[in-house]
Amino acid sequence: MLKRFWLWLGRLLGKLLFTVALVGLIGWGVGEAYYAWKFSGPVSTQEQIAPDEAALTRLIIEDAVRIVEQHRDNTRVLRDAHAKAHGCVKAEVQVLDTLDASLRHGVFSEPGHTWQAWMRLSNGNAYPQFDRARDARGMAIKLLDVPGEKLMKSPAHAGEQDFVMFNHPAFFVRDVAEYRSNFAAQADGKKVQAFFPSWDPRTWEPRHLVIALKTLAPAPESPVATTYNSIAPFKLGELNIKYRVIPAPQNCPPYELPEQNNALPNFLRNALYQQLSLDRAPACFELQVQKQNAQYYMPIEDPSVEWSEKISPFESVARITVQPQDFDSREQNLFCDNLSFNPWHALPEHRPIGGINRLRKSVYEAVSAYRHQRNAPAPAVTAPQPSEEETELELSQ
């Protein structure tokens, strides 16, 4: 009797496992077919602005200000993202001598020219945390003394060209509307609702959740040992492109970083200090661009889609060298904290395009202005001076 029961139970479990596997396989096939249909070209080469984008942007700015206040360090207001820097270092960006004529636009228009720059390396979180925590990592580059009229008219940034990146090739939201929903949920501490905002399955974003989880990756061995991506597209003359910065150790003398203690809270800063300041070894990168091929699914308005490198390979346009230097001083760290990076600090030839980039223009500017206003030193309070009558009275006593 007991033997028959176990045989029956085994057959039941076997059928159940087979059914689950079959349903999973069918679901996977349906998903593959759906995304193959959804993510198929051709696509537009022009921007498409939603009618409610301006209103949503205002709401996102309010949420961003709320986040920087929640995460302020005592009385100091931090950035709404990438609050913790590993360091700001001086860099040289040299345009390739052999650059193809079709890519010679803006700051790349003169082959062989070398730009002086600042580079900021950071963690992605809005609140400083241990470097070993899973997180995005960011790189921002500010070219200096760049002539020409810029897209933003601020005199303080008139000579700058910024490139802002982080170390994943896709973003976890597709447009400004989803960004608003996701950002508001995270600001309220409701992380699950960021990707599952209601009980309606049509509002769920499991693919974007997977991208977000991949973005929150383990720390690299050093901030100069990983690839950084623009995520969103930009103009390069008449071209639509994405760009990235990749490590290029072949352009530097051989160097092997000693093993770091990743249990330390700031081990990425330590790794950068070890290489540049103690061992006096440079770090080398290449700046690359990827052209949009509009016959395939390379959308402008959806940065959650990674453009295929098989269809459009990246091409190097410049070499970046970070020479040995001393960067970890109180004065330079304060200078680093006050640097403002914005992809709209740019020449028209490098104009940011797409909804997320249009959002960045407003949010970065508003949060930067708010931070600088809140962090400005308070006016000195001077002791009240006694009047002549009070002085005479004191002398007579």
Protein backbone atom coordinates (compact mmCIF):
# COMPACT_ATOMS: atom_id res chain seq x y z
CA MET A 1 0.00 0.00 0.00
CA LEU A 2 2.76 2.42 1.00
CA LYS A 3 4.75 1.50 -2.13
CA ARG A 4 1.78 2.29 -4.39
CA PHE A 5 1.35 5.63 -2.62
CA TRP A 6 4.98 6.63 -3.24
CA LEU A 7 4.75 5.56 -6.88
CA TRP A 8 1.58 7.64 -7.29
CA LEU A 9 3.22 10.63 -5.58
CA GLY A 10 6.32 10.29 -7.77
CA ARG A 11 4.21 10.23 -10.95
CA LEU A 12 2.26 13.26 -9.72
CA LEU A 13 5.40 15.26 -8.95
CA GLY A 14 6.94 14.23 -12.27
CA LYS A 15 3.88 15.43 -14.18
CA LEU A 16 3.84 18.64 -12.15
CA LEU A 17 7.51 19.36 -12.87
CA PHE A 18 6.99 18.56 -16.57
CA THR A 19 3.99 20.90 -16.71
CA VAL A 20 5.91 23.73 -14.97
CA ALA A 21 8.86 23.25 -17.32
CA LEU A 22 6.56 23.22 -20.36
CA VAL A 23 4.71 26.35 -19.23
CA GLY A 24 8.05 28.06 -18.55
CA LEU A 25 9.35 27.12 -21.99
CA ILE A 26 6.19 28.37 -23.67
CA GLY A 27 6.37 31.60 -21.65
CA TRP A 28 10.00 32.09 -22.62
CA GLY A 29 9.15 31.52 -26.29
CA VAL A 30 6.21 33.94 -26.15
CA GLY A 31 8.41 36.53 -24.42
CA GLU A 32 11.17 36.16 -27.01
CA ALA A 33 8.64 36.50 -29.85
CA TYR A 34 7.01 39.52 -28.20
CA TYR A 35 10.26 41.38 -27.63
CA ALA A 36 11.52 40.46 -31.11
CA TRP A 37 8.35 42.06 -32.48
CA LYS A 38 8.39 45.02 -30.11
CA PHE A 39 12.10 45.76 -30.52
CA SER A 40 12.28 45.74 -34.30
CA GLY A 41 13.20 48.55 -36.67
CA PRO A 42 13.09 50.87 -38.36
CA VAL A 43 13.01 53.70 -35.80
CA SER A 44 12.87 57.47 -35.97
CA THR A 45 16.02 59.57 -36.16
CA GLN A 46 14.14 62.50 -34.59
CA GLU A 47 13.09 63.26 -31.02
CA GLN A 48 9.45 62.74 -30.03
CA ILE A 49 8.36 64.86 -27.06
CA ALA A 50 5.34 63.74 -25.02
CA PRO A 51 2.77 66.50 -24.28
CA ASP A 52 2.96 65.97 -20.49
CA GLU A 53 6.78 65.93 -20.30
CA ALA A 54 7.16 69.45 -18.88
CA ALA A 55 4.62 68.81 -16.09
CA LEU A 56 6.25 65.49 -15.19
CA THR A 57 9.67 67.15 -15.13
CA ARG A 58 8.48 69.67 -12.53
CA LEU A 59 7.23 66.84 -10.32
CA ILE A 60 10.54 64.97 -10.67
CA ILE A 61 12.46 68.09 -9.61
CA GLU A 62 10.32 68.25 -6.45
CA ASP A 63 11.10 64.58 -5.72
CA ALA A 64 14.83 65.17 -6.36
CA VAL A 65 14.93 68.07 -3.90
CA ARG A 66 13.10 65.90 -1.36
CA ILE A 67 15.74 63.16 -1.79
CA VAL A 68 18.74 65.47 -1.36
CA GLU A 69 17.18 66.79 1.85
CA GLN A 70 16.55 63.25 3.12
CA HIS A 71 20.18 62.28 2.41
CA ARG A 72 21.93 65.45 3.53
CA ASP A 73 25.14 64.96 5.50
CA ASN A 74 24.37 66.92 8.68
CA THR A 75 23.84 70.40 7.25
CA ARG A 76 25.57 69.72 3.90
CA VAL A 77 23.25 68.90 0.99
CA LEU A 78 24.60 66.14 -1.26
CA ARG A 79 23.80 65.31 -4.88
CA ASP A 80 20.56 63.47 -5.65
CA ALA A 81 22.70 60.72 -7.24
CA HIS A 82 26.39 59.83 -7.32
CA ALA A 83 26.85 61.55 -3.98
CA LYS A 84 30.05 59.73 -3.01
CA ALA A 85 33.14 60.56 -5.05
CA HIS A 86 36.26 58.41 -5.16
CA GLY A 87 38.16 61.46 -6.33
CA CYS A 88 38.36 64.24 -8.87
CA VAL A 89 41.50 63.92 -10.98
CA LYS A 90 43.10 65.89 -13.78
CA ALA A 91 42.98 64.19 -17.17
CA GLU A 92 44.11 64.74 -20.75
CA VAL A 93 41.79 63.92 -23.66
CA GLN A 94 43.62 63.63 -26.98
CA VAL A 95 41.64 63.38 -30.23
CA LEU A 96 42.97 60.55 -32.41
CA ASP A 97 45.25 61.62 -35.27
CA THR A 98 43.58 59.08 -37.56
CA LEU A 99 39.97 60.01 -36.71
CA ASP A 100 37.55 59.38 -39.58
CA ALA A 101 36.27 62.56 -41.22
CA SER A 102 32.62 61.65 -40.49
CA LEU A 103 33.35 61.87 -36.72
CA ARG A 104 35.23 65.18 -36.75
CA HIS A 105 32.68 67.40 -35.04
CA GLY A 106 32.70 69.60 -31.97
CA VAL A 107 35.57 68.84 -29.62
CA PHE A 108 36.72 66.08 -32.01
CA SER A 109 37.02 68.39 -35.02
CA GLU A 110 40.81 68.75 -34.77
CA PRO A 111 42.72 65.44 -34.88
CA GLY A 112 45.63 65.36 -32.46
CA HIS A 113 44.30 68.15 -30.24
CA THR A 114 44.63 67.58 -26.48
CA TRP A 115 42.02 68.91 -24.05
CA GLN A 116 42.71 69.41 -20.37
CA ALA A 117 39.91 68.00 -18.23
CA TRP A 118 38.60 67.12 -14.80
CA MET A 119 37.34 63.58 -14.21
CA ARG A 120 35.05 62.68 -11.31
CA LEU A 121 34.66 59.00 -10.33
CA SER A 122 31.82 58.03 -8.02
CA ASN A 123 29.29 55.57 -6.64
CA GLY A 124 25.75 55.92 -7.91
CA ASN A 125 23.72 55.99 -4.71
CA ALA A 126 22.19 59.20 -3.37
CA TYR A 127 23.66 58.42 0.06
CA PRO A 128 27.35 57.59 0.70
CA GLN A 129 27.76 53.92 1.58
CA PHE A 130 30.50 51.29 1.76
CA ASP A 131 32.13 50.75 -1.64
CA ARG A 132 31.56 46.98 -1.43
CA ALA A 133 27.79 47.53 -1.58
CA ARG A 134 26.22 46.66 -4.92
CA ASP A 135 25.81 49.94 -6.78
CA ALA A 136 26.25 51.75 -10.07
CA ARG A 137 29.59 53.53 -10.62
CA GLY A 138 29.87 56.83 -12.42
CA MET A 139 32.39 58.78 -14.45
CA ALA A 140 31.97 62.44 -15.43
CA ILE A 141 34.47 64.30 -17.60
CA LYS A 142 34.63 68.08 -17.94
CA LEU A 143 36.75 69.40 -20.82
CA LEU A 144 38.16 72.86 -20.09
CA ASP A 145 38.70 75.98 -22.19
CA VAL A 146 36.40 74.78 -24.96
CA PRO A 147 35.61 77.73 -27.26
CA GLY A 148 32.22 78.31 -28.82
CA GLU A 149 28.67 79.02 -27.71
CA LYS A 150 27.21 76.35 -25.44
CA LEU A 151 23.68 74.99 -25.16
CA MET A 152 23.40 76.35 -21.60
CA LYS A 153 24.16 80.05 -21.34
CA SER A 154 25.58 80.05 -17.80
CA PRO A 155 28.78 82.16 -17.70
CA ALA A 156 30.21 79.82 -15.05
CA HIS A 157 30.23 76.95 -17.56
CA ALA A 158 30.90 78.89 -20.76
CA GLY A 159 34.20 77.10 -21.46
CA GLU A 160 33.13 73.56 -20.57
CA GLN A 161 32.08 70.39 -22.38
CA ASP A 162 30.77 67.64 -20.11
CA PHE A 163 30.40 63.89 -20.65
CA VAL A 164 28.37 62.02 -17.98
CA MET A 165 28.36 58.20 -17.82
CA PHE A 166 27.82 55.18 -15.61
CA ASN A 167 28.92 51.58 -15.84
CA HIS A 168 25.95 49.84 -17.46
CA PRO A 169 24.89 50.02 -21.11
CA ALA A 170 21.13 50.39 -20.49
CA PHE A 171 18.93 52.49 -18.21
CA PHE A 172 16.18 51.01 -16.04
CA VAL A 173 13.37 53.29 -17.29
CA ARG A 174 12.24 54.00 -20.85
CA ASP A 175 10.90 57.55 -20.66
CA VAL A 176 10.08 60.53 -18.45
CA ALA A 177 6.66 59.18 -17.44
CA GLU A 178 8.13 55.92 -16.14
CA TYR A 179 10.99 57.82 -14.51
CA ARG A 180 8.47 59.92 -12.57
CA SER A 181 6.61 56.83 -11.34
CA ASN A 182 9.82 54.95 -10.47
CA PHE A 183 11.57 57.92 -8.84
CA ALA A 184 8.53 58.90 -6.74
CA ALA A 185 8.16 55.34 -5.43
CA GLN A 186 11.85 55.18 -4.48
CA ALA A 187 11.67 58.61 -2.84
CA ASP A 188 8.84 57.26 -0.67
CA GLY A 189 10.85 54.14 0.17
CA LYS A 190 8.48 51.87 -1.84
CA LYS A 191 11.07 50.08 -3.96
CA VAL A 192 8.78 47.27 -5.10
CA GLN A 193 6.27 49.78 -6.47
CA ALA A 194 9.05 51.35 -8.54
CA PHE A 195 8.67 48.43 -10.99
CA PHE A 196 5.24 47.06 -10.00
CA PRO A 197 3.20 50.24 -9.43
CA SER A 198 -0.24 48.55 -9.33
CA TRP A 199 -2.01 45.20 -9.41
CA ASP A 200 -2.52 45.62 -13.16
CA PRO A 201 0.11 43.41 -14.88
CA ARG A 202 0.17 45.83 -17.82
CA THR A 203 1.97 48.35 -15.59
CA TRP A 204 4.65 45.90 -14.48
CA GLU A 205 8.22 46.37 -15.69
CA PRO A 206 10.09 43.08 -15.03
CA ARG A 207 12.61 43.77 -17.82
CA HIS A 208 13.50 47.10 -16.27
CA LEU A 209 13.80 45.49 -12.84
CA VAL A 210 16.36 43.07 -14.32
CA ILE A 211 18.31 46.03 -15.76
CA ALA A 212 18.25 47.77 -12.38
CA LEU A 213 19.52 44.65 -10.62
CA LYS A 214 22.31 44.26 -13.18
CA THR A 215 23.19 47.93 -12.72
CA LEU A 216 23.62 47.39 -8.97
CA ALA A 217 26.74 45.34 -9.55
CA PRO A 218 29.62 44.37 -7.25
CA ALA A 219 32.37 46.95 -7.10
CA PRO A 220 35.24 46.74 -9.60
CA GLU A 221 38.77 46.38 -8.26
CA SER A 222 39.34 50.06 -9.06
CA PRO A 223 37.29 52.96 -10.45
CA VAL A 224 39.61 52.98 -13.49
CA ALA A 225 39.04 49.28 -14.24
CA THR A 226 35.50 49.35 -15.64
CA THR A 227 33.61 50.66 -18.68
CA TYR A 228 31.34 53.71 -18.44
CA ASN A 229 28.42 54.34 -20.84
CA SER A 230 26.41 57.41 -21.83
CA ILE A 231 23.18 55.33 -21.73
CA ALA A 232 21.20 58.03 -23.56
CA PRO A 233 21.97 59.23 -27.11
CA PHE A 234 23.59 62.46 -28.30
CA LYS A 235 24.26 64.32 -31.51
CA LEU A 236 27.69 64.25 -33.12
CA GLY A 237 27.24 66.77 -35.89
CA GLU A 238 24.32 65.32 -37.84
CA LEU A 239 24.85 61.80 -36.45
CA ASN A 240 22.92 60.26 -33.55
CA ILE A 241 25.37 58.43 -31.29
CA LYS A 242 25.97 56.91 -27.89
CA TYR A 243 29.39 57.07 -26.30
CA ARG A 244 31.39 55.14 -23.74
CA VAL A 245 34.79 55.17 -22.04
CA ILE A 246 36.69 51.88 -21.83
CA PRO A 247 39.92 51.07 -19.95
CA ALA A 248 42.90 50.99 -22.34
CA PRO A 249 45.83 49.62 -20.32
CA GLN A 250 47.67 48.94 -23.61
CA ASN A 251 48.16 52.71 -23.95
CA CYS A 252 49.95 52.93 -20.57
CA PRO A 253 53.08 51.36 -19.10
CA PRO A 254 52.36 47.91 -17.59
CA TYR A 255 50.89 48.15 -14.11
CA GLU A 256 49.23 45.72 -11.72
CA LEU A 257 47.25 47.13 -8.82
CA PRO A 258 48.08 45.49 -5.47
CA GLU A 259 45.13 43.64 -3.96
CA GLN A 260 42.89 46.00 -2.02
CA ASN A 261 41.02 45.37 1.22
CA ASN A 262 37.44 45.67 -0.01
CA ALA A 263 36.14 45.49 3.56
CA LEU A 264 37.25 49.10 4.00
CA PRO A 265 34.47 51.64 3.40
CA ASN A 266 36.45 53.65 0.83
CA PHE A 267 38.54 50.96 -0.86
CA LEU A 268 37.84 52.35 -4.36
CA ARG A 269 39.33 55.71 -3.37
CA ASN A 270 42.23 53.80 -1.81
CA ALA A 271 42.78 51.90 -5.07
CA LEU A 272 42.82 55.15 -7.04
CA TYR A 273 45.22 56.72 -4.53
CA GLN A 274 47.46 53.63 -4.62
CA GLN A 275 47.83 53.80 -8.39
CA LEU A 276 48.05 57.54 -9.03
CA SER A 277 49.64 58.89 -5.85
CA LEU A 278 51.71 56.10 -4.29
CA ASP A 279 52.81 53.98 -7.26
CA ARG A 280 52.78 57.00 -9.63
CA ALA A 281 51.25 54.90 -12.42
CA PRO A 282 48.97 56.54 -15.01
CA ALA A 283 45.52 55.27 -15.98
CA CYS A 284 44.50 55.12 -19.64
CA PHE A 285 41.12 54.97 -21.40
CA GLU A 286 39.63 55.38 -24.85
CA LEU A 287 36.52 57.44 -25.60
CA GLN A 288 34.34 55.70 -28.19
CA VAL A 289 31.14 56.45 -30.11
CA GLN A 290 28.45 54.19 -31.56
CA LYS A 291 26.35 55.45 -34.50
CA GLN A 292 22.61 54.92 -34.68
CA ASN A 293 21.44 52.69 -37.54
CA ALA A 294 17.77 53.63 -37.78
CA GLN A 295 16.96 50.57 -39.92
CA TYR A 296 17.33 48.53 -36.74
CA TYR A 297 15.86 48.98 -33.25
CA MET A 298 18.17 51.70 -31.95
CA PRO A 299 15.61 54.13 -30.47
CA ILE A 300 16.33 57.66 -29.31
CA GLU A 301 13.49 57.87 -26.79
CA ASP A 302 14.09 54.56 -24.95
CA PRO A 303 17.48 54.31 -23.18
CA SER A 304 16.47 50.96 -21.65
CA VAL A 305 17.33 49.44 -25.04
CA GLU A 306 20.99 48.66 -25.63
CA TRP A 307 22.08 49.40 -29.18
CA SER A 308 23.54 46.30 -30.83
CA GLU A 309 27.32 46.34 -31.19
CA LYS A 310 27.05 43.66 -33.89
CA ILE A 311 25.05 46.06 -36.06
CA SER A 312 26.95 49.21 -35.07
CA PRO A 313 30.36 48.66 -33.43
CA PHE A 314 31.91 51.33 -31.22
CA GLU A 315 34.68 53.44 -32.78
CA SER A 316 37.44 55.16 -30.79
CA VAL A 317 37.61 58.94 -31.14
CA ALA A 318 40.04 59.98 -28.38
CA ARG A 319 42.53 58.72 -25.83
CA ILE A 320 42.19 59.69 -22.17
CA THR A 321 45.21 59.73 -19.86
CA VAL A 322 45.12 60.33 -16.12
CA GLN A 323 48.70 61.11 -15.16
CA PRO A 324 50.15 60.31 -11.69
CA GLN A 325 49.02 63.00 -9.27
CA ASP A 326 48.10 63.86 -5.70
CA PHE A 327 44.35 64.35 -5.56
CA ASP A 328 43.19 63.33 -2.08
CA SER A 329 43.42 66.64 -0.21
CA ARG A 330 40.74 68.45 1.74
CA GLU A 331 40.82 71.40 -0.66
CA GLN A 332 40.53 69.25 -3.79
CA ASN A 333 37.79 67.10 -2.29
CA LEU A 334 35.76 70.23 -1.49
CA PHE A 335 36.43 71.49 -5.01
CA CYS A 336 35.25 68.12 -6.31
CA ASP A 337 32.06 68.29 -4.27
CA ASN A 338 31.27 71.70 -5.74
CA LEU A 339 31.85 70.71 -9.37
CA SER A 340 28.65 70.57 -11.41
CA PHE A 341 28.39 68.14 -14.31
CA ASN A 342 25.59 68.33 -16.83
CA PRO A 343 25.48 66.80 -20.33
CA TRP A 344 23.94 70.11 -21.46
CA HIS A 345 27.21 71.90 -20.69
CA ALA A 346 27.94 71.22 -24.33
CA LEU A 347 28.52 72.54 -27.80
CA PRO A 348 25.53 72.25 -30.17
CA GLU A 349 27.45 69.55 -32.07
CA HIS A 350 27.15 67.36 -28.95
CA ARG A 351 23.53 68.15 -28.08
CA PRO A 352 21.88 65.57 -25.79
CA ILE A 353 18.77 64.01 -27.33
CA GLY A 354 15.92 61.87 -26.02
CA GLY A 355 13.51 62.27 -23.11
CA ILE A 356 15.89 61.25 -20.33
CA ASN A 357 18.47 63.77 -21.55
CA ARG A 358 15.84 66.51 -21.76
CA LEU A 359 14.88 65.62 -18.18
CA ARG A 360 18.53 65.80 -17.11
CA LYS A 361 18.81 69.38 -18.32
CA SER A 362 16.13 70.61 -15.95
CA VAL A 363 16.78 68.31 -12.98
CA TYR A 364 20.58 68.65 -12.94
CA GLU A 365 20.35 72.42 -13.17
CA ALA A 366 17.67 72.72 -10.47
CA VAL A 367 19.35 70.34 -8.01
CA SER A 368 22.79 71.89 -8.59
CA ALA A 369 21.43 75.38 -7.91
CA TYR A 370 19.59 74.13 -4.82
CA ARG A 371 22.71 72.36 -3.48
CA HIS A 372 24.97 75.38 -4.00
CA GLN A 373 22.42 77.69 -2.38
CA ARG A 374 21.98 75.41 0.64
CA ASN A 375 25.71 74.76 0.99
CA ALA A 376 26.78 78.39 0.68
CA PRO A 377 28.59 79.56 3.81
CA ALA A 378 26.35 81.54 6.14
CA PRO A 379 27.16 85.25 6.37
CA ALA A 380 29.46 86.07 9.24
CA VAL A 381 27.69 87.37 12.30
CA THR A 382 29.44 90.43 13.66
CA ALA A 383 29.05 91.54 17.23
CA PRO A 384 26.98 94.74 17.59
CA GLN A 385 29.14 97.79 18.12
CA PRO A 386 28.33 99.95 21.16
CA SER A 387 27.04 103.41 20.52
CA GLU A 388 29.03 106.51 21.54
CA GLU A 389 26.74 107.04 24.57
CA GLU A 390 27.26 103.45 25.74
CA THR A 391 31.03 103.84 25.33
CA GLU A 392 31.10 107.03 27.36
CA LEU A 393 28.99 105.37 30.07
CA GLU A 394 31.34 102.35 30.26
CA LEU A 395 34.39 104.64 30.53
CA SER A 396 32.81 106.66 33.30
CA GLN A 397 32.02 103.55 35.39
